[in-house]
Protein backbone atom coordinates (compact mmCIF):
# COMPACT_ATOMS: atom_id res chain seq x y z
CA UNK A 1 11.52 -28.09 13.71
CA UNK A 2 12.45 -25.59 11.02
CA UNK A 3 10.94 -27.79 8.30
CA UNK A 4 7.69 -28.36 10.22
CA UNK A 5 7.27 -24.61 10.79
CA UNK A 6 7.86 -23.86 7.11
CA UNK A 7 4.82 -23.31 4.87
CA UNK A 8 6.27 -25.64 2.24
CA UNK A 9 6.13 -28.59 4.64
CA UNK A 10 2.34 -28.71 4.33
CA UNK A 11 1.75 -27.31 0.86
CA UNK A 12 0.23 -30.61 -0.30
CA UNK A 13 -2.76 -29.92 1.97
CA UNK A 14 -3.36 -26.35 0.80
CA UNK A 15 -6.56 -25.66 -1.11
CA UNK A 16 -7.29 -21.96 -0.63
CA UNK A 17 -5.84 -19.12 -2.69
CA UNK A 18 -2.77 -17.47 -1.21
CA UNK A 19 -1.62 -13.85 -1.03
CA UNK A 20 2.16 -13.54 -0.80
CA UNK A 21 3.59 -10.15 0.22
CA UNK A 22 7.34 -9.70 0.67
CA UNK A 23 10.02 -7.04 0.68
CA UNK A 24 12.94 -8.21 -1.42
CA UNK A 25 15.48 -6.82 1.07
CA UNK A 26 13.99 -8.82 3.96
CA UNK A 27 16.68 -9.84 6.42
CA UNK A 28 14.41 -12.10 8.46
CA UNK A 29 13.05 -14.29 5.64
CA UNK A 30 15.18 -14.66 2.54
CA UNK A 31 13.45 -13.53 -0.61
CA UNK A 32 14.41 -16.74 -2.42
CA UNK A 33 12.02 -18.52 -0.04
CA UNK A 34 9.15 -16.54 -1.57
CA UNK A 35 10.37 -17.42 -5.06
CA UNK A 36 10.50 -21.08 -4.01
CA UNK A 37 7.03 -20.90 -2.43
CA UNK A 38 5.56 -19.36 -5.60
CA UNK A 39 7.14 -22.12 -7.68
CA UNK A 40 5.67 -24.78 -5.40
CA UNK A 41 2.25 -23.13 -5.50
CA UNK A 42 2.42 -23.16 -9.32
CA UNK A 43 3.35 -26.84 -9.37
CA UNK A 44 0.55 -27.69 -6.92
CA UNK A 45 -2.00 -25.75 -8.97
CA UNK A 46 -2.81 -23.42 -6.08
CA UNK A 47 -4.03 -19.96 -7.02
CA UNK A 48 -1.92 -17.15 -5.59
CA UNK A 49 -1.26 -13.47 -5.93
CA UNK A 50 2.09 -11.91 -5.22
CA UNK A 51 3.10 -8.42 -4.15
CA UNK A 52 6.82 -7.64 -3.91
CA UNK A 53 8.28 -4.44 -2.51
CA UNK A 54 11.68 -3.72 -4.04
CA UNK A 55 14.31 -2.52 -1.56
CA UNK A 56 12.06 -2.95 1.46
CA UNK A 57 12.50 -5.14 4.53
CA UNK A 58 10.44 -7.58 6.60
CA UNK A 59 8.36 -4.97 8.44
CA UNK A 60 8.03 -2.54 5.51
CA UNK A 61 9.79 0.74 6.21
CA UNK A 62 7.79 2.87 3.81
CA UNK A 63 4.27 4.06 4.64
CA UNK A 64 3.21 3.71 1.02
CA UNK A 65 4.11 0.01 1.14
CA UNK A 66 1.93 -0.50 4.23
CA UNK A 67 -0.93 1.13 2.36
CA UNK A 68 -0.33 -1.07 -0.70
CA UNK A 69 -0.05 -4.23 1.43
CA UNK A 70 -3.22 -3.46 3.38
CA UNK A 71 -5.14 -2.55 0.23
CA UNK A 72 -3.96 -5.73 -1.51
CA UNK A 73 -5.04 -7.77 1.51
CA UNK A 74 -8.52 -6.21 1.61
CA UNK A 75 -8.95 -6.69 -2.14
CA UNK A 76 -7.72 -10.29 -1.98
CA UNK A 77 -10.04 -11.19 0.89
CA UNK A 78 -12.96 -9.40 -0.70
CA UNK A 79 -12.39 -11.19 -4.00
CA UNK A 80 -11.98 -14.69 -2.63
CA UNK A 81 -14.47 -14.50 0.22
CA UNK A 82 -17.11 -13.33 -2.23
CA UNK A 83 -16.25 -16.23 -4.55
CA UNK A 84 -16.48 -18.75 -1.73
CA UNK A 85 -19.84 -17.35 -0.61
CA UNK A 86 -21.42 -18.20 -3.98
């Protein structure tokens, strides 16, 4: 069950770009899982962007990190949705 719910279990079927956002002090999802995911995305040739918040946790404690995460998400979607609309 854990494997099937993991993003890496289906990475072979991924085609779209990926935005990865993670606090490196996350106690819910180990940060090494993000490092592993990025490595697998590289190997699969899947485009991705990564935003890491040093010393922050799963739900982002700092307001400035919420702003950065939301801004990165809007920019990512704007960039790739515009590209796919061409």
